[in-house]
Amino acid sequence: MQFLYRLKFEYAVILIAMGAFVSAVVFATDGDLAPIQAPVNNKPIYNATQGAIEVEVSPNRATVAGTTSCELLGNPINQAFQGSSRYRANVISIEQSTDITSFEMDLTIIQNTTLQFTVHERQTDGTFKLIASKTRTNVIGDMFHSSGLFSSTVSLQAGKTYAFGTTWNTNVNYYIGGPLLPAPFATGEILGWISRNSVTIPIGNLPNLGINDSPGSGTYSMRICLPPAPGACCQPKADGSGGGCVDVF
């Protein structure tokens, strides 16, 4: 993999492709020197439940072991950042009630670390209430790192807003990209992202964190896995290693 290095910026310039032209957008960031990864559709996935490496099958919809369909956020990637003791999350407004089975965050980890995957529900006062958490230890690699299945079903209710985030304790690369905000999501709308620095695992409820929702803010590179939509085709893989779902049009 060839890496392109950038110096630290207090403000980063993001180039966002829109049809046949590119527009420059400036937004605040806390990034550090970090490599830009290979195209996101070449990124492997570690499925914690199945204990296997898989690959993405389409630019915006991935096949994951089991009857699950995953929405890809933060694609195409246009900025890479690096830091330790960070919490990074995407914020989504849900318009149609659904459940999530797991989610994955695109991280480059060069030394063993602990990851905490969390789902928070935004309250009327702007604070975030923890509703689901999954911790993985001794995690390493350059891939979409999966939470694996949560201990119980995580239900997302229409009319509410949720933050899907990951916390880590060592120096890790993470990525931002995607279309202008707000952006469509399978069961709602992607509003933006939230973040905290100097955090420790485990994290619990969060204070009122301002959502970075300016049009050019982008979202963190992540997959959120949902039950397949009606009409999706789910079938076992040819090698018997699991199943997957694809949309049928």
C-alpha atoms as a PDB file:
ATOM      1  CA  MET A   1       0.000   0.000   0.000  1.00  0.00           C
ATOM      2  CA  GLN A   2       1.354   3.360  -0.959  1.00  0.00           C
ATOM      3  CA  PHE A   3       0.993   6.085   1.664  1.00  0.00           C
ATOM      4  CA  LEU A   4       0.677   9.824   1.180  1.00  0.00           C
ATOM      5  CA  TYR A   5       1.660  11.870   4.210  1.00  0.00           C
ATOM      6  CA  ARG A   6       0.277  15.212   5.253  1.00  0.00           C
ATOM      7  CA  LEU A   7       1.446  17.711   7.851  1.00  0.00           C
ATOM      8  CA  LYS A   8      -0.768  18.575  10.805  1.00  0.00           C
ATOM      9  CA  PHE A   9      -3.422  21.205  10.101  1.00  0.00           C
ATOM     10  CA  GLU A  10      -5.672  23.081  12.485  1.00  0.00           C
ATOM     11  CA  TYR A  11      -8.012  23.375   9.538  1.00  0.00           C
ATOM     12  CA  ALA A  12      -8.011  20.826   6.710  1.00  0.00           C
ATOM     13  CA  VAL A  13      -9.109  21.355   3.136  1.00  0.00           C
ATOM     14  CA  ILE A  14     -11.263  18.547   1.830  1.00  0.00           C
ATOM     15  CA  LEU A  15     -11.855  17.937  -1.817  1.00  0.00           C
ATOM     16  CA  ILE A  16     -15.288  16.473  -2.405  1.00  0.00           C
ATOM     17  CA  ALA A  17     -16.237  15.021  -5.757  1.00  0.00           C
ATOM     18  CA  MET A  18     -19.664  16.106  -6.955  1.00  0.00           C
ATOM     19  CA  GLY A  19     -20.534  14.730 -10.343  1.00  0.00           C
ATOM     20  CA  ALA A  20     -18.144  16.129 -12.928  1.00  0.00           C
ATOM     21  CA  PHE A  21     -16.493  18.722 -10.709  1.00  0.00           C
ATOM     22  CA  VAL A  22     -14.681  19.035  -7.392  1.00  0.00           C
ATOM     23  CA  SER A  23     -15.438  21.641  -4.745  1.00  0.00           C
ATOM     24  CA  ALA A  24     -13.066  22.643  -1.928  1.00  0.00           C
ATOM     25  CA  VAL A  25     -14.512  22.723   1.583  1.00  0.00           C
ATOM     26  CA  VAL A  26     -12.777  23.778   4.804  1.00  0.00           C
ATOM     27  CA  PHE A  27     -13.715  22.348   8.199  1.00  0.00           C
ATOM     28  CA  ALA A  28     -12.200  22.105  11.660  1.00  0.00           C
ATOM     29  CA  THR A  29     -10.289  18.946  12.527  1.00  0.00           C
ATOM     30  CA  ASP A  30      -8.001  17.604  15.224  1.00  0.00           C
ATOM     31  CA  GLY A  31      -6.004  15.375  12.878  1.00  0.00           C
ATOM     32  CA  ASP A  32      -2.313  14.568  12.976  1.00  0.00           C
ATOM     33  CA  LEU A  33       0.201  13.176  10.506  1.00  0.00           C
ATOM     34  CA  ALA A  34      -1.530  10.183   8.939  1.00  0.00           C
ATOM     35  CA  PRO A  35      -1.490   8.096   5.751  1.00  0.00           C
ATOM     36  CA  ILE A  36      -4.290   8.059   3.214  1.00  0.00           C
ATOM     37  CA  GLN A  37      -5.397   4.476   2.739  1.00  0.00           C
ATOM     38  CA  ALA A  38      -6.189   2.516  -0.397  1.00  0.00           C
ATOM     39  CA  PRO A  39      -9.689   2.952  -1.882  1.00  0.00           C
ATOM     40  CA  VAL A  40     -12.335   1.956   0.629  1.00  0.00           C
ATOM     41  CA  ASN A  41     -13.801  -0.755  -1.598  1.00  0.00           C
ATOM     42  CA  ASN A  42     -10.536  -2.705  -1.316  1.00  0.00           C
ATOM     43  CA  LYS A  43     -10.651  -2.665   2.477  1.00  0.00           C
ATOM     44  CA  PRO A  44     -11.015  -6.001   4.283  1.00  0.00           C
ATOM     45  CA  ILE A  45     -13.550  -6.574   7.055  1.00  0.00           C
ATOM     46  CA  TYR A  46     -12.848  -8.514  10.217  1.00  0.00           C
ATOM     47  CA  ASN A  47     -16.073 -10.151  11.302  1.00  0.00           C
ATOM     48  CA  ALA A  48     -15.647 -10.736  15.024  1.00  0.00           C
ATOM     49  CA  THR A  49     -18.545 -13.172  15.212  1.00  0.00           C
ATOM     50  CA  GLN A  50     -17.374 -15.404  12.374  1.00  0.00           C
ATOM     51  CA  GLY A  51     -13.640 -14.901  12.996  1.00  0.00           C
ATOM     52  CA  ALA A  52     -12.949 -14.438   9.304  1.00  0.00           C
ATOM     53  CA  ILE A  53     -11.741 -11.811   6.853  1.00  0.00           C
ATOM     54  CA  GLU A  54     -14.205 -10.776   4.164  1.00  0.00           C
ATOM     55  CA  VAL A  55     -14.179  -8.150   1.411  1.00  0.00           C
ATOM     56  CA  GLU A  56     -16.686  -5.535   0.362  1.00  0.00           C
ATOM     57  CA  VAL A  57     -18.758  -6.376  -2.686  1.00  0.00           C
ATOM     58  CA  SER A  58     -20.098  -2.973  -3.723  1.00  0.00           C
ATOM     59  CA  PRO A  59     -19.256   0.728  -3.199  1.00  0.00           C
ATOM     60  CA  ASN A  60     -22.133   1.359  -0.795  1.00  0.00           C
ATOM     61  CA  ARG A  61     -23.525  -1.979   0.328  1.00  0.00           C
ATOM     62  CA  ALA A  62     -21.430  -4.808   1.787  1.00  0.00           C
ATOM     63  CA  THR A  63     -22.101  -8.495   2.265  1.00  0.00           C
ATOM     64  CA  VAL A  64     -21.360  -9.734   5.778  1.00  0.00           C
ATOM     65  CA  ALA A  65     -21.545 -13.279   7.138  1.00  0.00           C
ATOM     66  CA  GLY A  66     -25.154 -14.019   8.073  1.00  0.00           C
ATOM     67  CA  THR A  67     -28.341 -12.398   6.817  1.00  0.00           C
ATOM     68  CA  THR A  68     -27.162  -8.828   7.271  1.00  0.00           C
ATOM     69  CA  SER A  69     -26.876  -5.804   5.004  1.00  0.00           C
ATOM     70  CA  CYS A  70     -24.425  -3.019   5.853  1.00  0.00           C
ATOM     71  CA  GLU A  71     -24.632   0.669   4.967  1.00  0.00           C
ATOM     72  CA  LEU A  72     -21.278   2.274   4.160  1.00  0.00           C
ATOM     73  CA  LEU A  73     -20.592   5.780   5.515  1.00  0.00           C
ATOM     74  CA  GLY A  74     -17.663   8.102   4.829  1.00  0.00           C
ATOM     75  CA  ASN A  75     -17.007   7.005   1.264  1.00  0.00           C
ATOM     76  CA  PRO A  76     -15.036   8.050  -0.715  1.00  0.00           C
ATOM     77  CA  ILE A  77     -12.351   8.767   1.868  1.00  0.00           C
ATOM     78  CA  ASN A  78     -10.617  12.128   1.511  1.00  0.00           C
ATOM     79  CA  GLN A  79      -8.873  12.704   4.862  1.00  0.00           C
ATOM     80  CA  ALA A  80      -6.913  10.527   7.296  1.00  0.00           C
ATOM     81  CA  PHE A  81      -6.247  11.357  10.943  1.00  0.00           C
ATOM     82  CA  GLN A  82      -4.334   9.837  13.813  1.00  0.00           C
ATOM     83  CA  GLY A  83      -4.625   9.974  17.587  1.00  0.00           C
ATOM     84  CA  SER A  84      -4.878   8.054  20.845  1.00  0.00           C
ATOM     85  CA  SER A  85      -7.552   8.007  23.554  1.00  0.00           C
ATOM     86  CA  ARG A  86     -10.205   9.149  21.091  1.00  0.00           C
ATOM     87  CA  TYR A  87     -13.963   8.734  20.724  1.00  0.00           C
ATOM     88  CA  ARG A  88     -15.323   9.194  17.202  1.00  0.00           C
ATOM     89  CA  ALA A  89     -18.950   8.688  16.157  1.00  0.00           C
ATOM     90  CA  ASN A  90     -21.376   9.273  13.315  1.00  0.00           C
ATOM     91  CA  VAL A  91     -24.798  10.707  14.136  1.00  0.00           C
ATOM     92  CA  ILE A  92     -27.910   9.476  12.337  1.00  0.00           C
ATOM     93  CA  SER A  93     -31.546  10.543  12.563  1.00  0.00           C
ATOM     94  CA  ILE A  94     -33.859   7.524  12.285  1.00  0.00           C
ATOM     95  CA  GLU A  95     -37.043   7.921  10.254  1.00  0.00           C
ATOM     96  CA  GLN A  96     -38.070   4.255  10.097  1.00  0.00           C
ATOM     97  CA  SER A  97     -37.706   2.029  13.173  1.00  0.00           C
ATOM     98  CA  THR A  98     -35.192  -0.771  12.762  1.00  0.00           C
ATOM     99  CA  ASP A  99     -32.650  -2.890  14.622  1.00  0.00           C
ATOM    100  CA  ILE A 100     -28.905  -3.034  14.164  1.00  0.00           C
ATOM    101  CA  THR A 101     -26.911  -6.216  14.417  1.00  0.00           C
ATOM    102  CA  SER A 102     -23.417  -4.726  14.562  1.00  0.00           C
ATOM    103  CA  PHE A 103     -21.271  -1.969  13.116  1.00  0.00           C
ATOM    104  CA  GLU A 104     -17.700  -1.655  11.886  1.00  0.00           C
ATOM    105  CA  MET A 105     -15.243   1.234  11.908  1.00  0.00           C
ATOM    106  CA  ASP A 106     -12.444   1.716   9.408  1.00  0.00           C
ATOM    107  CA  LEU A 107      -9.243   1.915  11.472  1.00  0.00           C
ATOM    108  CA  THR A 108      -5.540   1.318  10.927  1.00  0.00           C
ATOM    109  CA  ILE A 109      -4.114  -0.149  14.148  1.00  0.00           C
ATOM    110  CA  ILE A 110      -0.398  -0.990  14.245  1.00  0.00           C
ATOM    111  CA  GLN A 111      -0.187  -2.133  17.873  1.00  0.00           C
ATOM    112  CA  ASN A 112      -2.668  -4.102  19.965  1.00  0.00           C
ATOM    113  CA  THR A 113      -5.420  -1.903  21.316  1.00  0.00           C
ATOM    114  CA  THR A 114      -8.798  -2.104  23.012  1.00  0.00           C
ATOM    115  CA  LEU A 115     -11.866  -0.927  21.105  1.00  0.00           C
ATOM    116  CA  GLN A 116     -15.206  -0.032  22.650  1.00  0.00           C
ATOM    117  CA  PHE A 117     -18.121   0.100  20.197  1.00  0.00           C
ATOM    118  CA  THR A 118     -21.084   2.111  21.487  1.00  0.00           C
ATOM    119  CA  VAL A 119     -24.550   3.238  20.484  1.00  0.00           C
ATOM    120  CA  HIS A 120     -25.891   6.374  22.187  1.00  0.00           C
ATOM    121  CA  GLU A 121     -29.398   7.837  21.959  1.00  0.00           C
ATOM    122  CA  ARG A 122     -29.566  11.628  21.867  1.00  0.00           C
ATOM    123  CA  GLN A 123     -31.793  13.114  24.574  1.00  0.00           C
ATOM    124  CA  THR A 124     -33.960  16.243  24.385  1.00  0.00           C
ATOM    125  CA  ASP A 125     -31.301  18.257  26.249  1.00  0.00           C
ATOM    126  CA  GLY A 126     -28.632  17.308  23.688  1.00  0.00           C
ATOM    127  CA  THR A 127     -26.853  14.767  25.905  1.00  0.00           C
ATOM    128  CA  PHE A 128     -26.233  11.197  24.721  1.00  0.00           C
ATOM    129  CA  LYS A 129     -27.466   8.182  26.694  1.00  0.00           C
ATOM    130  CA  LEU A 130     -25.542   4.917  26.301  1.00  0.00           C
ATOM    131  CA  ILE A 131     -27.878   2.130  25.112  1.00  0.00           C
ATOM    132  CA  ALA A 132     -25.421  -0.498  23.832  1.00  0.00           C
ATOM    133  CA  SER A 133     -21.730  -1.293  24.247  1.00  0.00           C
ATOM    134  CA  LYS A 134     -19.316  -3.994  23.095  1.00  0.00           C
ATOM    135  CA  THR A 135     -15.593  -4.127  23.932  1.00  0.00           C
ATOM    136  CA  ARG A 136     -12.892  -6.008  22.035  1.00  0.00           C
ATOM    137  CA  THR A 137      -9.304  -6.426  23.246  1.00  0.00           C
ATOM    138  CA  ASN A 138      -5.979  -7.108  21.506  1.00  0.00           C
ATOM    139  CA  VAL A 139      -7.222  -5.652  18.234  1.00  0.00           C
ATOM    140  CA  ILE A 140      -4.756  -4.941  15.417  1.00  0.00           C
ATOM    141  CA  GLY A 141      -4.818  -4.464  11.638  1.00  0.00           C
ATOM    142  CA  ASP A 142      -5.837  -2.171   8.789  1.00  0.00           C
ATOM    143  CA  MET A 143      -9.487  -2.975   8.114  1.00  0.00           C
ATOM    144  CA  PHE A 144     -13.109  -2.430   9.049  1.00  0.00           C
ATOM    145  CA  HIS A 145     -13.038  -3.596  12.665  1.00  0.00           C
ATOM    146  CA  SER A 146     -16.359  -5.102  13.751  1.00  0.00           C
ATOM    147  CA  SER A 147     -18.169  -4.834  17.050  1.00  0.00           C
ATOM    148  CA  GLY A 148     -19.493  -8.341  16.554  1.00  0.00           C
ATOM    149  CA  LEU A 149     -23.028  -9.013  17.728  1.00  0.00           C
ATOM    150  CA  PHE A 150     -24.224  -6.970  20.702  1.00  0.00           C
ATOM    151  CA  SER A 151     -25.436  -8.927  23.737  1.00  0.00           C
ATOM    152  CA  SER A 152     -29.038  -7.968  22.969  1.00  0.00           C
ATOM    153  CA  THR A 153     -30.926  -6.471  20.047  1.00  0.00           C
ATOM    154  CA  VAL A 154     -30.277  -2.751  19.589  1.00  0.00           C
ATOM    155  CA  SER A 155     -33.567  -1.154  18.541  1.00  0.00           C
ATOM    156  CA  LEU A 156     -33.582   2.240  16.848  1.00  0.00           C
ATOM    157  CA  GLN A 157     -36.838   4.160  17.102  1.00  0.00           C
ATOM    158  CA  ALA A 158     -38.272   6.430  14.439  1.00  0.00           C
ATOM    159  CA  GLY A 159     -38.039  10.103  15.363  1.00  0.00           C
ATOM    160  CA  LYS A 160     -34.887   9.677  17.472  1.00  0.00           C
ATOM    161  CA  THR A 161     -31.208  10.374  16.833  1.00  0.00           C
ATOM    162  CA  TYR A 162     -28.337   7.992  17.537  1.00  0.00           C
ATOM    163  CA  ALA A 163     -24.540   8.141  17.672  1.00  0.00           C
ATOM    164  CA  PHE A 164     -22.550   5.111  16.521  1.00  0.00           C
ATOM    165  CA  GLY A 165     -19.034   5.425  17.861  1.00  0.00           C
ATOM    166  CA  THR A 166     -15.748   3.742  18.671  1.00  0.00           C
ATOM    167  CA  THR A 167     -13.264   4.521  21.444  1.00  0.00           C
ATOM    168  CA  TRP A 168      -9.647   3.362  21.481  1.00  0.00           C
ATOM    169  CA  ASN A 169      -6.643   3.735  23.775  1.00  0.00           C
ATOM    170  CA  THR A 170      -3.531   3.618  21.534  1.00  0.00           C
ATOM    171  CA  ASN A 171      -2.407   5.594  18.487  1.00  0.00           C
ATOM    172  CA  VAL A 172      -4.833   4.741  15.673  1.00  0.00           C
ATOM    173  CA  ASN A 173      -5.534   6.070  12.173  1.00  0.00           C
ATOM    174  CA  TYR A 174      -9.148   6.884  11.306  1.00  0.00           C
ATOM    175  CA  TYR A 175     -10.754   8.298   8.190  1.00  0.00           C
ATOM    176  CA  ILE A 176     -13.334  10.829   6.969  1.00  0.00           C
ATOM    177  CA  GLY A 177     -15.092  11.177   3.645  1.00  0.00           C
ATOM    178  CA  GLY A 178     -18.449  10.945   1.978  1.00  0.00           C
ATOM    179  CA  PRO A 179     -20.974  13.236   0.312  1.00  0.00           C
ATOM    180  CA  LEU A 180     -22.234  16.611   1.459  1.00  0.00           C
ATOM    181  CA  LEU A 181     -24.418  16.587   4.569  1.00  0.00           C
ATOM    182  CA  PRO A 182     -27.122  15.811   5.386  1.00  0.00           C
ATOM    183  CA  ALA A 183     -26.830  12.529   3.493  1.00  0.00           C
ATOM    184  CA  PRO A 184     -29.324   9.684   2.999  1.00  0.00           C
ATOM    185  CA  PHE A 185     -29.229   6.539   5.129  1.00  0.00           C
ATOM    186  CA  ALA A 186     -31.217   3.327   4.622  1.00  0.00           C
ATOM    187  CA  THR A 187     -33.654   4.145   7.447  1.00  0.00           C
ATOM    188  CA  GLY A 188     -33.093   7.855   7.984  1.00  0.00           C
ATOM    189  CA  GLU A 189     -30.561  10.616   7.462  1.00  0.00           C
ATOM    190  CA  ILE A 190     -26.868  11.053   8.308  1.00  0.00           C
ATOM    191  CA  LEU A 191     -26.538  14.332  10.224  1.00  0.00           C
ATOM    192  CA  GLY A 192     -22.790  14.516  10.891  1.00  0.00           C
ATOM    193  CA  TRP A 193     -20.313  13.423  13.555  1.00  0.00           C
ATOM    194  CA  ILE A 194     -19.290  14.002  17.172  1.00  0.00           C
ATOM    195  CA  SER A 195     -15.957  13.487  18.930  1.00  0.00           C
ATOM    196  CA  ARG A 196     -14.121  13.595  22.245  1.00  0.00           C
ATOM    197  CA  ASN A 197     -10.403  13.500  23.044  1.00  0.00           C
ATOM    198  CA  SER A 198      -8.505  12.262  26.116  1.00  0.00           C
ATOM    199  CA  VAL A 199     -11.108   9.607  26.876  1.00  0.00           C
ATOM    200  CA  THR A 200     -10.708   6.296  28.678  1.00  0.00           C
ATOM    201  CA  ILE A 201     -12.453   2.976  28.224  1.00  0.00           C
ATOM    202  CA  PRO A 202     -15.173   2.324  29.185  1.00  0.00           C
ATOM    203  CA  ILE A 203     -17.147   5.416  28.249  1.00  0.00           C
ATOM    204  CA  GLY A 204     -20.725   5.837  29.440  1.00  0.00           C
ATOM    205  CA  ASN A 205     -23.253   8.597  28.909  1.00  0.00           C
ATOM    206  CA  LEU A 206     -21.968  11.648  27.055  1.00  0.00           C
ATOM    207  CA  PRO A 207     -22.592  15.372  27.578  1.00  0.00           C
ATOM    208  CA  ASN A 208     -24.156  17.706  25.043  1.00  0.00           C
ATOM    209  CA  LEU A 209     -21.686  17.404  22.177  1.00  0.00           C
ATOM    210  CA  GLY A 210     -22.151  19.707  19.222  1.00  0.00           C
ATOM    211  CA  ILE A 211     -22.782  17.780  15.999  1.00  0.00           C
ATOM    212  CA  ASN A 212     -20.363  18.669  13.202  1.00  0.00           C
ATOM    213  CA  ASP A 213     -23.003  18.999  10.520  1.00  0.00           C
ATOM    214  CA  SER A 214     -21.712  21.621   8.097  1.00  0.00           C
ATOM    215  CA  PRO A 215     -22.168  20.399   4.494  1.00  0.00           C
ATOM    216  CA  GLY A 216     -18.470  19.601   3.990  1.00  0.00           C
ATOM    217  CA  SER A 217     -17.818  17.914   7.338  1.00  0.00           C
ATOM    218  CA  GLY A 218     -18.174  14.403   5.947  1.00  0.00           C
ATOM    219  CA  THR A 219     -18.532  11.326   8.146  1.00  0.00           C
ATOM    220  CA  TYR A 220     -16.180   8.767   9.644  1.00  0.00           C
ATOM    221  CA  SER A 221     -15.560   5.712   7.477  1.00  0.00           C
ATOM    222  CA  MET A 222     -17.869   3.095   8.980  1.00  0.00           C
ATOM    223  CA  ARG A 223     -20.435   0.394   8.181  1.00  0.00           C
ATOM    224  CA  ILE A 224     -23.708   0.031  10.069  1.00  0.00           C
ATOM    225  CA  CYS A 225     -25.328  -3.387   9.678  1.00  0.00           C
ATOM    226  CA  LEU A 226     -29.105  -3.716   9.550  1.00  0.00           C
ATOM    227  CA  PRO A 227     -31.565  -6.523   8.939  1.00  0.00           C
ATOM    228  CA  PRO A 228     -32.079  -6.924   5.177  1.00  0.00           C
ATOM    229  CA  ALA A 229     -34.725  -4.769   3.566  1.00  0.00           C
ATOM    230  CA  PRO A 230     -37.865  -6.447   2.208  1.00  0.00           C
ATOM    231  CA  GLY A 231     -37.051  -7.963  -1.166  1.00  0.00           C
ATOM    232  CA  ALA A 232     -33.388  -8.557  -0.356  1.00  0.00           C
ATOM    233  CA  CYS A 233     -31.909 -11.854  -1.452  1.00  0.00           C
ATOM    234  CA  CYS A 234     -30.127 -13.807   1.312  1.00  0.00           C
ATOM    235  CA  GLN A 235     -28.317 -17.033   0.558  1.00  0.00           C
ATOM    236  CA  PRO A 236     -25.343 -19.104   1.772  1.00  0.00           C
ATOM    237  CA  LYS A 237     -21.922 -18.497   0.264  1.00  0.00           C
ATOM    238  CA  ALA A 238     -20.593 -21.083  -2.164  1.00  0.00           C
ATOM    239  CA  ASP A 239     -17.849 -22.177   0.259  1.00  0.00           C
ATOM    240  CA  GLY A 240     -20.335 -22.612   3.115  1.00  0.00           C
ATOM    241  CA  SER A 241     -18.643 -19.940   5.250  1.00  0.00           C
ATOM    242  CA  GLY A 242     -21.808 -17.963   5.932  1.00  0.00           C
ATOM    243  CA  GLY A 243     -24.498 -16.030   4.130  1.00  0.00           C
ATOM    244  CA  GLY A 244     -25.033 -12.575   2.760  1.00  0.00           C
ATOM    245  CA  CYS A 245     -27.751 -10.247   1.500  1.00  0.00           C
ATOM    246  CA  VAL A 246     -27.934  -8.085  -1.579  1.00  0.00           C
ATOM    247  CA  ASP A 247     -30.629  -5.676  -2.661  1.00  0.00           C
ATOM    248  CA  VAL A 248     -32.996  -6.808  -5.378  1.00  0.00           C
ATOM    249  CA  PHE A 249     -34.234  -4.082  -7.728  1.00  0.00           C
END
